[in-house]
Amino acid sequence: MADEDPSETREAKLAQRRARVEYLAFIAQIVSAVAIVISLIFVGIQLHEGNTVTLRNESNATMAQWSAFRASIYSDRNTAKVFLAGMEGAPPLDATDQLRFGYIMREHAWATFQIWDRTKRGLVPGANFEVGAAPDYLKVICTPGGAVVWAEIRSEMPAPFIADMDRIAEAYAPAHHVSCVAEE
């Protein structure tokens, strides 16, 4: 041991320390990577839960809008009578009731559009429009008076919405033995 060069011993010790530090740095990198993966999983779970809450709130807002529309009809007998008489189309409504029926139809059209739009944006399930709102509105526009007013207000609605309503009406009309087009 007396033959050992003190500079070689020091270099060996420094190399060992350097190797130990590199080893500890490698372990720290692995721990950091695992921590990042765990935090990303946590963020993903939080985003999923946040999206679920947002979708639920969107569905609740849609339901509230529809409830207000339906309540305007079933809570007021006079409005319900105008709505029914307007759909039947005979005898023709007087000017005041025709105006009221037109606004009821527009309100129903825009409420149906809102569900269509939420469906297209992925905020509510597609069935909300395809099986719910669209056939519900077709029950109104595929009547003699409803078809006349629908022909008037179609131009106010977005073209993609009209195209989807027409597509659904193609199957709906023959299945229910009705016409969704105003007679001329």
C-alpha atoms as a PDB file:
ATOM      1  CA  MET A   1       0.000   0.000   0.000  1.00  0.00           C
ATOM      2  CA  ALA A   2       2.958   2.175   0.399  1.00  0.00           C
ATOM      3  CA  ASP A   3       3.462   1.809  -3.322  1.00  0.00           C
ATOM      4  CA  GLU A   4       0.080   3.416  -4.138  1.00  0.00           C
ATOM      5  CA  ASP A   5       0.208   6.713  -5.819  1.00  0.00           C
ATOM      6  CA  PRO A   6      -2.000   9.139  -3.870  1.00  0.00           C
ATOM      7  CA  SER A   7      -3.148  10.790  -7.099  1.00  0.00           C
ATOM      8  CA  GLU A   8      -4.462   7.451  -8.455  1.00  0.00           C
ATOM      9  CA  THR A   9      -6.407   6.839  -5.281  1.00  0.00           C
ATOM     10  CA  ARG A  10      -7.943  10.248  -5.440  1.00  0.00           C
ATOM     11  CA  GLU A  11      -8.893   9.778  -9.116  1.00  0.00           C
ATOM     12  CA  ALA A  12     -10.452   6.400  -8.299  1.00  0.00           C
ATOM     13  CA  LYS A  13     -12.462   7.946  -5.487  1.00  0.00           C
ATOM     14  CA  LEU A  14     -13.574  10.779  -7.760  1.00  0.00           C
ATOM     15  CA  ALA A  15     -14.602   8.289 -10.439  1.00  0.00           C
ATOM     16  CA  GLN A  16     -16.602   6.336  -7.858  1.00  0.00           C
ATOM     17  CA  ARG A  17     -18.315   9.505  -6.640  1.00  0.00           C
ATOM     18  CA  ARG A  18     -19.057  10.555 -10.213  1.00  0.00           C
ATOM     19  CA  ALA A  19     -20.522   7.107 -10.953  1.00  0.00           C
ATOM     20  CA  ARG A  20     -22.619   7.270  -7.767  1.00  0.00           C
ATOM     21  CA  VAL A  21     -23.908  10.757  -8.679  1.00  0.00           C
ATOM     22  CA  GLU A  22     -24.730   9.614 -12.216  1.00  0.00           C
ATOM     23  CA  TYR A  23     -26.519   6.575 -10.806  1.00  0.00           C
ATOM     24  CA  LEU A  24     -28.525   8.773  -8.403  1.00  0.00           C
ATOM     25  CA  ALA A  25     -29.335  11.191 -11.263  1.00  0.00           C
ATOM     26  CA  PHE A  26     -30.555   8.264 -13.368  1.00  0.00           C
ATOM     27  CA  ILE A  27     -32.802   7.090 -10.520  1.00  0.00           C
ATOM     28  CA  ALA A  28     -34.092  10.673 -10.097  1.00  0.00           C
ATOM     29  CA  GLN A  29     -34.964  10.803 -13.809  1.00  0.00           C
ATOM     30  CA  ILE A  30     -36.905   7.549 -13.538  1.00  0.00           C
ATOM     31  CA  VAL A  31     -38.774   8.789 -10.466  1.00  0.00           C
ATOM     32  CA  SER A  32     -39.540  12.080 -12.249  1.00  0.00           C
ATOM     33  CA  ALA A  33     -40.850  10.266 -15.328  1.00  0.00           C
ATOM     34  CA  VAL A  34     -43.102   8.067 -13.181  1.00  0.00           C
ATOM     35  CA  ALA A  35     -44.368  11.157 -11.324  1.00  0.00           C
ATOM     36  CA  ILE A  36     -45.145  12.889 -14.628  1.00  0.00           C
ATOM     37  CA  VAL A  37     -47.073   9.855 -15.906  1.00  0.00           C
ATOM     38  CA  ILE A  38     -49.055   9.661 -12.657  1.00  0.00           C
ATOM     39  CA  SER A  39     -49.852  13.389 -12.793  1.00  0.00           C
ATOM     40  CA  LEU A  40     -50.959  13.095 -16.459  1.00  0.00           C
ATOM     41  CA  ILE A  41     -53.252  10.209 -15.539  1.00  0.00           C
ATOM     42  CA  PHE A  42     -54.695  12.339 -12.732  1.00  0.00           C
ATOM     43  CA  VAL A  43     -55.212  15.292 -15.115  1.00  0.00           C
ATOM     44  CA  GLY A  44     -56.900  12.944 -17.612  1.00  0.00           C
ATOM     45  CA  ILE A  45     -59.281  11.685 -14.937  1.00  0.00           C
ATOM     46  CA  GLN A  46     -60.070  15.247 -13.879  1.00  0.00           C
ATOM     47  CA  LEU A  47     -60.736  16.295 -17.489  1.00  0.00           C
ATOM     48  CA  HIS A  48     -63.032  13.322 -18.009  1.00  0.00           C
ATOM     49  CA  GLU A  49     -64.970  14.147 -14.846  1.00  0.00           C
ATOM     50  CA  GLY A  50     -65.144  17.824 -15.852  1.00  0.00           C
ATOM     51  CA  ASN A  51     -66.450  16.885 -19.305  1.00  0.00           C
ATOM     52  CA  THR A  52     -69.064  14.621 -17.735  1.00  0.00           C
ATOM     53  CA  VAL A  53     -70.279  17.481 -15.542  1.00  0.00           C
ATOM     54  CA  THR A  54     -70.330  19.862 -18.509  1.00  0.00           C
ATOM     55  CA  LEU A  55     -72.332  17.413 -20.622  1.00  0.00           C
ATOM     56  CA  ARG A  56     -74.781  16.914 -17.763  1.00  0.00           C
ATOM     57  CA  ASN A  57     -75.188  20.681 -17.397  1.00  0.00           C
ATOM     58  CA  GLU A  58     -75.759  20.984 -21.146  1.00  0.00           C
ATOM     59  CA  SER A  59     -78.445  18.295 -20.995  1.00  0.00           C
ATOM     60  CA  ASN A  60     -80.057  20.061 -18.051  1.00  0.00           C
ATOM     61  CA  ALA A  61     -80.054  23.376 -19.946  1.00  0.00           C
ATOM     62  CA  THR A  62     -81.630  21.690 -22.961  1.00  0.00           C
ATOM     63  CA  MET A  63     -84.312  20.145 -20.777  1.00  0.00           C
ATOM     64  CA  ALA A  64     -85.027  23.485 -19.103  1.00  0.00           C
ATOM     65  CA  GLN A  65     -85.489  25.168 -22.490  1.00  0.00           C
ATOM     66  CA  TRP A  66     -87.841  22.435 -23.685  1.00  0.00           C
ATOM     67  CA  SER A  67     -89.756  22.467 -20.412  1.00  0.00           C
ATOM     68  CA  ALA A  68     -90.355  26.205 -20.781  1.00  0.00           C
ATOM     69  CA  PHE A  69     -91.583  25.719 -24.362  1.00  0.00           C
ATOM     70  CA  ARG A  70     -93.896  22.836 -23.472  1.00  0.00           C
ATOM     71  CA  ALA A  71     -95.201  24.673 -20.418  1.00  0.00           C
ATOM     72  CA  SER A  72     -96.183  27.608 -22.621  1.00  0.00           C
ATOM     73  CA  ILE A  73     -98.547  25.247 -24.415  1.00  0.00           C
ATOM     74  CA  TYR A  74     -99.871  22.934 -21.733  1.00  0.00           C
ATOM     75  CA  SER A  75    -100.256  25.584 -19.042  1.00  0.00           C
ATOM     76  CA  ASP A  76    -102.328  27.932 -21.211  1.00  0.00           C
ATOM     77  CA  ARG A  77    -105.446  26.422 -22.763  1.00  0.00           C
ATOM     78  CA  ASN A  78    -105.821  29.303 -25.207  1.00  0.00           C
ATOM     79  CA  THR A  79    -102.272  28.805 -26.512  1.00  0.00           C
ATOM     80  CA  ALA A  80    -102.866  25.067 -26.818  1.00  0.00           C
ATOM     81  CA  LYS A  81    -106.043  25.747 -28.808  1.00  0.00           C
ATOM     82  CA  VAL A  82    -104.215  28.102 -31.164  1.00  0.00           C
ATOM     83  CA  PHE A  83    -101.435  25.523 -31.582  1.00  0.00           C
ATOM     84  CA  LEU A  84    -103.890  22.713 -32.336  1.00  0.00           C
ATOM     85  CA  ALA A  85    -106.025  24.840 -34.677  1.00  0.00           C
ATOM     86  CA  GLY A  86    -102.913  26.058 -36.465  1.00  0.00           C
ATOM     87  CA  MET A  87    -101.715  22.507 -37.093  1.00  0.00           C
ATOM     88  CA  GLU A  88    -105.136  21.459 -38.406  1.00  0.00           C
ATOM     89  CA  GLY A  89    -105.133  24.386 -40.822  1.00  0.00           C
ATOM     90  CA  ALA A  90    -108.916  24.418 -41.233  1.00  0.00           C
ATOM     91  CA  PRO A  91    -110.682  26.646 -40.671  1.00  0.00           C
ATOM     92  CA  PRO A  92    -107.962  29.242 -41.232  1.00  0.00           C
ATOM     93  CA  LEU A  93    -106.848  31.164 -38.180  1.00  0.00           C
ATOM     94  CA  ASP A  94    -107.589  34.872 -37.923  1.00  0.00           C
ATOM     95  CA  ALA A  95    -104.603  37.216 -38.328  1.00  0.00           C
ATOM     96  CA  THR A  96    -103.843  37.404 -34.596  1.00  0.00           C
ATOM     97  CA  ASP A  97    -103.911  33.648 -34.055  1.00  0.00           C
ATOM     98  CA  GLN A  98    -101.953  33.089 -37.284  1.00  0.00           C
ATOM     99  CA  LEU A  99     -99.252  35.364 -35.889  1.00  0.00           C
ATOM    100  CA  ARG A 100     -99.288  33.485 -32.577  1.00  0.00           C
ATOM    101  CA  PHE A 101     -99.126  30.122 -34.324  1.00  0.00           C
ATOM    102  CA  GLY A 102     -96.214  31.327 -36.458  1.00  0.00           C
ATOM    103  CA  TYR A 103     -94.265  32.326 -33.362  1.00  0.00           C
ATOM    104  CA  ILE A 104     -95.041  29.034 -31.633  1.00  0.00           C
ATOM    105  CA  MET A 105     -93.746  27.225 -34.723  1.00  0.00           C
ATOM    106  CA  ARG A 106     -90.586  29.346 -34.796  1.00  0.00           C
ATOM    107  CA  GLU A 107     -89.980  28.733 -31.112  1.00  0.00           C
ATOM    108  CA  HIS A 108     -90.409  25.004 -31.643  1.00  0.00           C
ATOM    109  CA  ALA A 109     -88.106  25.106 -34.693  1.00  0.00           C
ATOM    110  CA  TRP A 110     -85.362  26.970 -32.834  1.00  0.00           C
ATOM    111  CA  ALA A 111     -85.668  24.702 -29.791  1.00  0.00           C
ATOM    112  CA  THR A 112     -85.319  21.704 -32.120  1.00  0.00           C
ATOM    113  CA  PHE A 113     -82.344  23.389 -33.773  1.00  0.00           C
ATOM    114  CA  GLN A 114     -80.691  23.872 -30.371  1.00  0.00           C
ATOM    115  CA  ILE A 115     -80.804  20.128 -29.768  1.00  0.00           C
ATOM    116  CA  TRP A 116     -79.540  19.474 -33.299  1.00  0.00           C
ATOM    117  CA  ASP A 117     -76.662  21.911 -32.722  1.00  0.00           C
ATOM    118  CA  ARG A 118     -75.762  20.377 -29.358  1.00  0.00           C
ATOM    119  CA  THR A 119     -75.814  16.954 -30.983  1.00  0.00           C
ATOM    120  CA  LYS A 120     -73.487  18.091 -33.775  1.00  0.00           C
ATOM    121  CA  ARG A 121     -71.088  19.546 -31.211  1.00  0.00           C
ATOM    122  CA  GLY A 122     -71.117  16.312 -29.217  1.00  0.00           C
ATOM    123  CA  LEU A 123     -72.701  17.936 -26.180  1.00  0.00           C
ATOM    124  CA  VAL A 124     -75.688  15.588 -26.062  1.00  0.00           C
ATOM    125  CA  PRO A 125     -76.217  12.115 -27.517  1.00  0.00           C
ATOM    126  CA  GLY A 126     -77.322  11.942 -31.161  1.00  0.00           C
ATOM    127  CA  ALA A 127     -80.514  10.169 -30.136  1.00  0.00           C
ATOM    128  CA  ASN A 128     -81.685  13.383 -28.473  1.00  0.00           C
ATOM    129  CA  PHE A 129     -82.191  14.784 -31.970  1.00  0.00           C
ATOM    130  CA  GLU A 130     -82.688  11.728 -34.193  1.00  0.00           C
ATOM    131  CA  VAL A 131     -85.180   9.928 -31.952  1.00  0.00           C
ATOM    132  CA  GLY A 132     -86.433  12.788 -29.793  1.00  0.00           C
ATOM    133  CA  ALA A 133     -86.590  16.360 -31.025  1.00  0.00           C
ATOM    134  CA  ALA A 134     -86.740  15.781 -34.792  1.00  0.00           C
ATOM    135  CA  PRO A 135     -89.669  13.324 -34.779  1.00  0.00           C
ATOM    136  CA  ASP A 136     -91.398  15.508 -32.188  1.00  0.00           C
ATOM    137  CA  TYR A 137     -91.171  18.511 -34.508  1.00  0.00           C
ATOM    138  CA  LEU A 138     -92.183  16.404 -37.503  1.00  0.00           C
ATOM    139  CA  LYS A 139     -95.425  15.606 -35.665  1.00  0.00           C
ATOM    140  CA  VAL A 140     -96.106  19.346 -35.920  1.00  0.00           C
ATOM    141  CA  ILE A 141     -94.735  20.243 -39.354  1.00  0.00           C
ATOM    142  CA  CYS A 142     -96.254  17.181 -41.014  1.00  0.00           C
ATOM    143  CA  THR A 143     -99.758  18.549 -40.474  1.00  0.00           C
ATOM    144  CA  PRO A 144    -101.691  20.691 -42.965  1.00  0.00           C
ATOM    145  CA  GLY A 145    -101.172  23.967 -41.071  1.00  0.00           C
ATOM    146  CA  GLY A 146     -97.735  23.064 -39.733  1.00  0.00           C
ATOM    147  CA  ALA A 147     -96.401  22.341 -43.232  1.00  0.00           C
ATOM    148  CA  VAL A 148     -97.558  25.765 -44.446  1.00  0.00           C
ATOM    149  CA  VAL A 149     -95.813  27.648 -41.649  1.00  0.00           C
ATOM    150  CA  TRP A 150     -92.740  25.396 -41.866  1.00  0.00           C
ATOM    151  CA  ALA A 151     -92.453  26.281 -45.563  1.00  0.00           C
ATOM    152  CA  GLU A 152     -92.374  29.955 -44.539  1.00  0.00           C
ATOM    153  CA  ILE A 153     -89.809  29.663 -41.737  1.00  0.00           C
ATOM    154  CA  ARG A 154     -87.414  27.135 -43.333  1.00  0.00           C
ATOM    155  CA  SER A 155     -85.420  29.979 -44.860  1.00  0.00           C
ATOM    156  CA  GLU A 156     -84.739  31.377 -41.386  1.00  0.00           C
ATOM    157  CA  MET A 157     -83.050  28.171 -40.259  1.00  0.00           C
ATOM    158  CA  PRO A 158     -79.473  27.019 -40.987  1.00  0.00           C
ATOM    159  CA  ALA A 159     -79.214  24.901 -44.156  1.00  0.00           C
ATOM    160  CA  PRO A 160     -77.501  21.863 -42.519  1.00  0.00           C
ATOM    161  CA  PHE A 161     -80.329  21.677 -39.973  1.00  0.00           C
ATOM    162  CA  ILE A 162     -82.926  21.827 -42.759  1.00  0.00           C
ATOM    163  CA  ALA A 163     -81.075  19.067 -44.635  1.00  0.00           C
ATOM    164  CA  ASP A 164     -81.163  16.801 -41.577  1.00  0.00           C
ATOM    165  CA  MET A 165     -84.842  17.548 -40.961  1.00  0.00           C
ATOM    166  CA  ASP A 166     -85.614  16.738 -44.611  1.00  0.00           C
ATOM    167  CA  ARG A 167     -83.628  13.499 -44.370  1.00  0.00           C
ATOM    168  CA  ILE A 168     -85.536  12.378 -41.276  1.00  0.00           C
ATOM    169  CA  ALA A 169     -88.858  13.515 -42.784  1.00  0.00           C
ATOM    170  CA  GLU A 170     -88.275  11.256 -45.805  1.00  0.00           C
ATOM    171  CA  ALA A 171     -88.592   8.207 -43.548  1.00  0.00           C
ATOM    172  CA  TYR A 172     -91.109   9.739 -41.140  1.00  0.00           C
ATOM    173  CA  ALA A 173     -93.798  10.807 -43.651  1.00  0.00           C
ATOM    174  CA  PRO A 174     -94.491   7.424 -45.299  1.00  0.00           C
ATOM    175  CA  ALA A 175     -94.244   5.583 -41.981  1.00  0.00           C
ATOM    176  CA  HIS A 176     -96.933   7.847 -40.486  1.00  0.00           C
ATOM    177  CA  HIS A 177     -98.967   8.340 -43.683  1.00  0.00           C
ATOM    178  CA  VAL A 178     -98.543  12.113 -43.625  1.00  0.00           C
ATOM    179  CA  SER A 179     -97.098  14.805 -45.852  1.00  0.00           C
ATOM    180  CA  CYS A 180     -94.475  17.163 -44.506  1.00  0.00           C
ATOM    181  CA  VAL A 181     -94.749  19.473 -47.531  1.00  0.00           C
ATOM    182  CA  ALA A 182     -97.321  22.243 -47.794  1.00  0.00           C
ATOM    183  CA  GLU A 183     -99.992  21.596 -50.411  1.00  0.00           C
ATOM    184  CA  GLU A 184    -100.109  24.210 -53.084  1.00  0.00           C
END
